[in-house]
Amino acid sequence: MNIHWLLRLTYWVRHPPSPGRMALIAGVIVLCLILVGVERFWGWPEALSVTPTGRGGLPR
């Protein structure tokens, strides 16, 4: 963590965001945790995986 993030955190402590913004931040964090949980328990769908094609892919 660098000094920029520490200064931002001190600003948030002194001037807390509105309840709407806090709900938005909490919602984004919950959504990310749900996506991680789905990927961990059920795996990632094969249709959404990136598969290299014959042309334009990196040589191995």
PDB file of N, CA and C in Angstrom:
ATOM      1  N   MET A   1       0.850  -1.166   0.000  1.00  0.00           N
ATOM      2  CA  MET A   1       0.000   0.000   0.000  1.00  0.00           C
ATOM      3  C   MET A   1       0.899   1.233   0.000  1.00  0.00           C
ATOM      4  N   ASN A   2       0.644   2.136  -0.921  1.00  0.00           N
ATOM      5  CA  ASN A   2       1.474   3.324  -0.969  1.00  0.00           C
ATOM      6  C   ASN A   2       0.801   4.490  -0.249  1.00  0.00           C
ATOM      7  N   ILE A   3       1.485   5.612  -0.198  1.00  0.00           N
ATOM      8  CA  ILE A   3       1.007   6.767   0.568  1.00  0.00           C
ATOM      9  C   ILE A   3      -0.285   7.345  -0.013  1.00  0.00           C
ATOM     10  N   HIS A   4      -0.467   7.221  -1.324  1.00  0.00           N
ATOM     11  CA  HIS A   4      -1.688   7.741  -1.944  1.00  0.00           C
ATOM     12  C   HIS A   4      -2.933   7.067  -1.367  1.00  0.00           C
ATOM     13  N   TRP A   5      -2.887   5.737  -1.242  1.00  0.00           N
ATOM     14  CA  TRP A   5      -4.045   5.009  -0.711  1.00  0.00           C
ATOM     15  C   TRP A   5      -4.261   5.304   0.773  1.00  0.00           C
ATOM     16  N   LEU A   6      -3.183   5.479   1.512  1.00  0.00           N
ATOM     17  CA  LEU A   6      -3.325   5.832   2.929  1.00  0.00           C
ATOM     18  C   LEU A   6      -3.961   7.207   3.089  1.00  0.00           C
ATOM     19  N   LEU A   7      -3.579   8.151   2.251  1.00  0.00           N
ATOM     20  CA  LEU A   7      -4.208   9.478   2.306  1.00  0.00           C
ATOM     21  C   LEU A   7      -5.682   9.411   1.926  1.00  0.00           C
ATOM     22  N   ARG A   8      -5.988   8.590   0.941  1.00  0.00           N
ATOM     23  CA  ARG A   8      -7.395   8.437   0.553  1.00  0.00           C
ATOM     24  C   ARG A   8      -8.217   7.828   1.690  1.00  0.00           C
ATOM     25  N   LEU A   9      -7.644   6.831   2.375  1.00  0.00           N
ATOM     26  CA  LEU A   9      -8.356   6.213   3.498  1.00  0.00           C
ATOM     27  C   LEU A   9      -8.567   7.200   4.641  1.00  0.00           C
ATOM     28  N   THR A  10      -7.565   8.036   4.922  1.00  0.00           N
ATOM     29  CA  THR A  10      -7.746   9.037   5.982  1.00  0.00           C
ATOM     30  C   THR A  10      -8.821  10.042   5.600  1.00  0.00           C
ATOM     31  N   TYR A  11      -8.902  10.389   4.302  1.00  0.00           N
ATOM     32  CA  TYR A  11      -9.964  11.299   3.861  1.00  0.00           C
ATOM     33  C   TYR A  11     -11.326  10.653   4.064  1.00  0.00           C
ATOM     34  N   TRP A  12     -11.440   9.349   3.740  1.00  0.00           N
ATOM     35  CA  TRP A  12     -12.716   8.655   3.922  1.00  0.00           C
ATOM     36  C   TRP A  12     -13.099   8.582   5.393  1.00  0.00           C
ATOM     37  N   VAL A  13     -12.125   8.443   6.282  1.00  0.00           N
ATOM     38  CA  VAL A  13     -12.429   8.383   7.709  1.00  0.00           C
ATOM     39  C   VAL A  13     -12.921   9.743   8.197  1.00  0.00           C
ATOM     40  N   ARG A  14     -12.303  10.795   7.718  1.00  0.00           N
ATOM     41  CA  ARG A  14     -12.704  12.144   8.156  1.00  0.00           C
ATOM     42  C   ARG A  14     -13.992  12.616   7.500  1.00  0.00           C
ATOM     43  N   HIS A  15     -14.211  12.242   6.261  1.00  0.00           N
ATOM     44  CA  HIS A  15     -15.412  12.627   5.509  1.00  0.00           C
ATOM     45  C   HIS A  15     -16.035  11.371   4.919  1.00  0.00           C
ATOM     46  N   PRO A  16     -16.837  10.656   5.707  1.00  0.00           N
ATOM     47  CA  PRO A  16     -17.397   9.386   5.214  1.00  0.00           C
ATOM     48  C   PRO A  16     -18.337   9.608   4.032  1.00  0.00           C
ATOM     49  N   PRO A  17     -18.359   8.651   3.091  1.00  0.00           N
ATOM     50  CA  PRO A  17     -19.246   8.761   1.938  1.00  0.00           C
ATOM     51  C   PRO A  17     -20.708   8.609   2.341  1.00  0.00           C
ATOM     52  N   SER A  18     -21.579   8.970   1.422  1.00  0.00           N
ATOM     53  CA  SER A  18     -23.010   8.888   1.680  1.00  0.00           C
ATOM     54  C   SER A  18     -23.439   7.423   1.809  1.00  0.00           C
ATOM     55  N   PRO A  19     -24.580   7.187   2.446  1.00  0.00           N
ATOM     56  CA  PRO A  19     -25.066   5.796   2.571  1.00  0.00           C
ATOM     57  C   PRO A  19     -25.299   5.125   1.216  1.00  0.00           C
ATOM     58  N   GLY A  20     -25.711   5.893   0.222  1.00  0.00           N
ATOM     59  CA  GLY A  20     -25.900   5.316  -1.108  1.00  0.00           C
ATOM     60  C   GLY A  20     -24.608   4.818  -1.715  1.00  0.00           C
ATOM     61  N   ARG A  21     -23.544   5.593  -1.549  1.00  0.00           N
ATOM     62  CA  ARG A  21     -22.247   5.176  -2.075  1.00  0.00           C
ATOM     63  C   ARG A  21     -21.710   3.975  -1.301  1.00  0.00           C
ATOM     64  N   MET A  22     -21.939   3.951  -0.001  1.00  0.00           N
ATOM     65  CA  MET A  22     -21.505   2.790   0.795  1.00  0.00           C
ATOM     66  C   MET A  22     -22.239   1.532   0.346  1.00  0.00           C
ATOM     67  N   ALA A  23     -23.538   1.660   0.043  1.00  0.00           N
ATOM     68  CA  ALA A  23     -24.306   0.513  -0.442  1.00  0.00           C
ATOM     69  C   ALA A  23     -23.786   0.062  -1.806  1.00  0.00           C
ATOM     70  N   LEU A  24     -23.414   1.006  -2.666  1.00  0.00           N
ATOM     71  CA  LEU A  24     -22.861   0.654  -3.972  1.00  0.00           C
ATOM     72  C   LEU A  24     -21.544  -0.103  -3.821  1.00  0.00           C
ATOM     73  N   ILE A  25     -20.680   0.377  -2.967  1.00  0.00           N
ATOM     74  CA  ILE A  25     -19.392  -0.276  -2.740  1.00  0.00           C
ATOM     75  C   ILE A  25     -19.604  -1.680  -2.167  1.00  0.00           C
ATOM     76  N   ALA A  26     -20.498  -1.801  -1.201  1.00  0.00           N
ATOM     77  CA  ALA A  26     -20.785  -3.109  -0.615  1.00  0.00           C
ATOM     78  C   ALA A  26     -21.389  -4.047  -1.663  1.00  0.00           C
ATOM     79  N   GLY A  27     -22.246  -3.523  -2.526  1.00  0.00           N
ATOM     80  CA  GLY A  27     -22.849  -4.342  -3.578  1.00  0.00           C
ATOM     81  C   GLY A  27     -21.828  -4.862  -4.568  1.00  0.00           C
ATOM     82  N   VAL A  28     -20.871  -4.025  -4.942  1.00  0.00           N
ATOM     83  CA  VAL A  28     -19.827  -4.453  -5.875  1.00  0.00           C
ATOM     84  C   VAL A  28     -18.955  -5.526  -5.233  1.00  0.00           C
ATOM     85  N   ILE A  29     -18.620  -5.355  -3.960  1.00  0.00           N
ATOM     86  CA  ILE A  29     -17.798  -6.355  -3.263  1.00  0.00           C
ATOM     87  C   ILE A  29     -18.548  -7.678  -3.158  1.00  0.00           C
ATOM     88  N   VAL A  30     -19.831  -7.632  -2.829  1.00  0.00           N
ATOM     89  CA  VAL A  30     -20.641  -8.856  -2.729  1.00  0.00           C
ATOM     90  C   VAL A  30     -20.752  -9.538  -4.087  1.00  0.00           C
ATOM     91  N   LEU A  31     -20.943  -8.773  -5.149  1.00  0.00           N
ATOM     92  CA  LEU A  31     -21.029  -9.339  -6.493  1.00  0.00           C
ATOM     93  C   LEU A  31     -19.722 -10.039  -6.871  1.00  0.00           C
ATOM     94  N   CYS A  32     -18.597  -9.420  -6.557  1.00  0.00           N
ATOM     95  CA  CYS A  32     -17.297 -10.043  -6.841  1.00  0.00           C
ATOM     96  C   CYS A  32     -17.131 -11.342  -6.054  1.00  0.00           C
ATOM     97  N   LEU A  33     -17.532 -11.346  -4.790  1.00  0.00           N
ATOM     98  CA  LEU A  33     -17.422 -12.561  -3.985  1.00  0.00           C
ATOM     99  C   LEU A  33     -18.328 -13.666  -4.509  1.00  0.00           C
ATOM    100  N   ILE A  34     -19.509 -13.309  -4.989  1.00  0.00           N
ATOM    101  CA  ILE A  34     -20.421 -14.301  -5.570  1.00  0.00           C
ATOM    102  C   ILE A  34     -19.805 -14.908  -6.825  1.00  0.00           C
ATOM    103  N   LEU A  35     -19.216 -14.070  -7.677  1.00  0.00           N
ATOM    104  CA  LEU A  35     -18.588 -14.588  -8.893  1.00  0.00           C
ATOM    105  C   LEU A  35     -17.411 -15.505  -8.574  1.00  0.00           C
ATOM    106  N   VAL A  36     -16.628 -15.164  -7.583  1.00  0.00           N
ATOM    107  CA  VAL A  36     -15.514 -16.027  -7.173  1.00  0.00           C
ATOM    108  C   VAL A  36     -16.051 -17.349  -6.639  1.00  0.00           C
ATOM    109  N   GLY A  37     -17.116 -17.298  -5.848  1.00  0.00           N
ATOM    110  CA  GLY A  37     -17.705 -18.528  -5.315  1.00  0.00           C
ATOM    111  C   GLY A  37     -18.268 -19.426  -6.399  1.00  0.00           C
ATOM    112  N   VAL A  38     -18.954 -18.839  -7.371  1.00  0.00           N
ATOM    113  CA  VAL A  38     -19.503 -19.632  -8.477  1.00  0.00           C
ATOM    114  C   VAL A  38     -18.372 -20.276  -9.268  1.00  0.00           C
ATOM    115  N   GLU A  39     -17.330 -19.513  -9.538  1.00  0.00           N
ATOM    116  CA  GLU A  39     -16.216 -20.077 -10.296  1.00  0.00           C
ATOM    117  C   GLU A  39     -15.507 -21.174  -9.506  1.00  0.00           C
ATOM    118  N   ARG A  40     -15.389 -21.009  -8.211  1.00  0.00           N
ATOM    119  CA  ARG A  40     -14.672 -22.000  -7.401  1.00  0.00           C
ATOM    120  C   ARG A  40     -15.472 -23.302  -7.277  1.00  0.00           C
ATOM    121  N   PHE A  41     -16.803 -23.216  -7.087  1.00  0.00           N
ATOM    122  CA  PHE A  41     -17.595 -24.423  -6.855  1.00  0.00           C
ATOM    123  C   PHE A  41     -18.042 -25.110  -8.137  1.00  0.00           C
ATOM    124  N   TRP A  42     -18.461 -24.352  -9.148  1.00  0.00           N
ATOM    125  CA  TRP A  42     -18.987 -24.946 -10.367  1.00  0.00           C
ATOM    126  C   TRP A  42     -18.033 -24.850 -11.545  1.00  0.00           C
ATOM    127  N   GLY A  43     -17.011 -24.086 -11.442  1.00  0.00           N
ATOM    128  CA  GLY A  43     -16.065 -23.944 -12.547  1.00  0.00           C
ATOM    129  C   GLY A  43     -16.538 -22.902 -13.548  1.00  0.00           C
ATOM    130  N   TRP A  44     -15.656 -22.590 -14.449  1.00  0.00           N
ATOM    131  CA  TRP A  44     -15.946 -21.588 -15.473  1.00  0.00           C
ATOM    132  C   TRP A  44     -16.530 -22.291 -16.688  1.00  0.00           C
ATOM    133  N   PRO A  45     -17.606 -21.761 -17.284  1.00  0.00           N
ATOM    134  CA  PRO A  45     -18.199 -22.425 -18.451  1.00  0.00           C
ATOM    135  C   PRO A  45     -17.208 -22.472 -19.622  1.00  0.00           C
ATOM    136  N   GLU A  46     -17.198 -23.573 -20.316  1.00  0.00           N
ATOM    137  CA  GLU A  46     -16.276 -23.736 -21.434  1.00  0.00           C
ATOM    138  C   GLU A  46     -16.578 -22.742 -22.552  1.00  0.00           C
ATOM    139  N   ALA A  47     -17.838 -22.370 -22.717  1.00  0.00           N
ATOM    140  CA  ALA A  47     -18.217 -21.430 -23.768  1.00  0.00           C
ATOM    141  C   ALA A  47     -17.653 -20.029 -23.517  1.00  0.00           C
ATOM    142  N   LEU A  48     -17.368 -19.697 -22.279  1.00  0.00           N
ATOM    143  CA  LEU A  48     -16.842 -18.374 -21.962  1.00  0.00           C
ATOM    144  C   LEU A  48     -15.323 -18.356 -21.857  1.00  0.00           C
ATOM    145  N   SER A  49     -14.683 -19.472 -22.080  1.00  0.00           N
ATOM    146  CA  SER A  49     -13.223 -19.541 -22.002  1.00  0.00           C
ATOM    147  C   SER A  49     -12.620 -19.043 -23.305  1.00  0.00           C
ATOM    148  N   VAL A  50     -11.456 -18.458 -23.198  1.00  0.00           N
ATOM    149  CA  VAL A  50     -10.744 -17.993 -24.375  1.00  0.00           C
ATOM    150  C   VAL A  50      -9.897 -19.144 -24.893  1.00  0.00           C
ATOM    151  N   THR A  51     -10.179 -19.540 -26.131  1.00  0.00           N
ATOM    152  CA  THR A  51      -9.393 -20.612 -26.734  1.00  0.00           C
ATOM    153  C   THR A  51      -8.603 -20.016 -27.887  1.00  0.00           C
ATOM    154  N   PRO A  52      -7.316 -20.286 -27.937  1.00  0.00           N
ATOM    155  CA  PRO A  52      -6.517 -19.738 -29.036  1.00  0.00           C
ATOM    156  C   PRO A  52      -6.900 -20.384 -30.370  1.00  0.00           C
ATOM    157  N   THR A  53      -6.978 -19.577 -31.399  1.00  0.00           N
ATOM    158  CA  THR A  53      -7.291 -20.090 -32.730  1.00  0.00           C
ATOM    159  C   THR A  53      -6.001 -20.302 -33.494  1.00  0.00           C
ATOM    160  N   GLY A  54      -6.108 -20.848 -34.682  1.00  0.00           N
ATOM    161  CA  GLY A  54      -4.930 -21.160 -35.480  1.00  0.00           C
ATOM    162  C   GLY A  54      -4.161 -19.905 -35.896  1.00  0.00           C
ATOM    163  N   ARG A  55      -4.842 -18.845 -36.266  1.00  0.00           N
ATOM    164  CA  ARG A  55      -4.173 -17.631 -36.712  1.00  0.00           C
ATOM    165  C   ARG A  55      -4.247 -16.568 -35.629  1.00  0.00           C
ATOM    166  N   GLY A  56      -3.200 -15.839 -35.474  1.00  0.00           N
ATOM    167  CA  GLY A  56      -3.196 -14.733 -34.540  1.00  0.00           C
ATOM    168  C   GLY A  56      -2.830 -15.102 -33.117  1.00  0.00           C
ATOM    169  N   GLY A  57      -2.699 -16.370 -32.835  1.00  0.00           N
ATOM    170  CA  GLY A  57      -2.315 -16.794 -31.506  1.00  0.00           C
ATOM    171  C   GLY A  57      -0.806 -16.683 -31.313  1.00  0.00           C
ATOM    172  N   LEU A  58      -0.380 -16.750 -30.115  1.00  0.00           N
ATOM    173  CA  LEU A  58       1.045 -16.709 -29.825  1.00  0.00           C
ATOM    174  C   LEU A  58       1.667 -18.058 -30.156  1.00  0.00           C
ATOM    175  N   PRO A  59       2.852 -18.062 -30.772  1.00  0.00           N
ATOM    176  CA  PRO A  59       3.492 -19.345 -31.060  1.00  0.00           C
ATOM    177  C   PRO A  59       3.985 -20.002 -29.775  1.00  0.00           C
ATOM    178  N   ARG A  60       3.918 -21.306 -29.772  1.00  0.00           N
ATOM    179  CA  ARG A  60       4.357 -22.027 -28.564  1.00  0.00           C
ATOM    180  C   ARG A  60       5.708 -22.631 -28.759  1.00  0.00           C
TER     181      ARG A  60
END
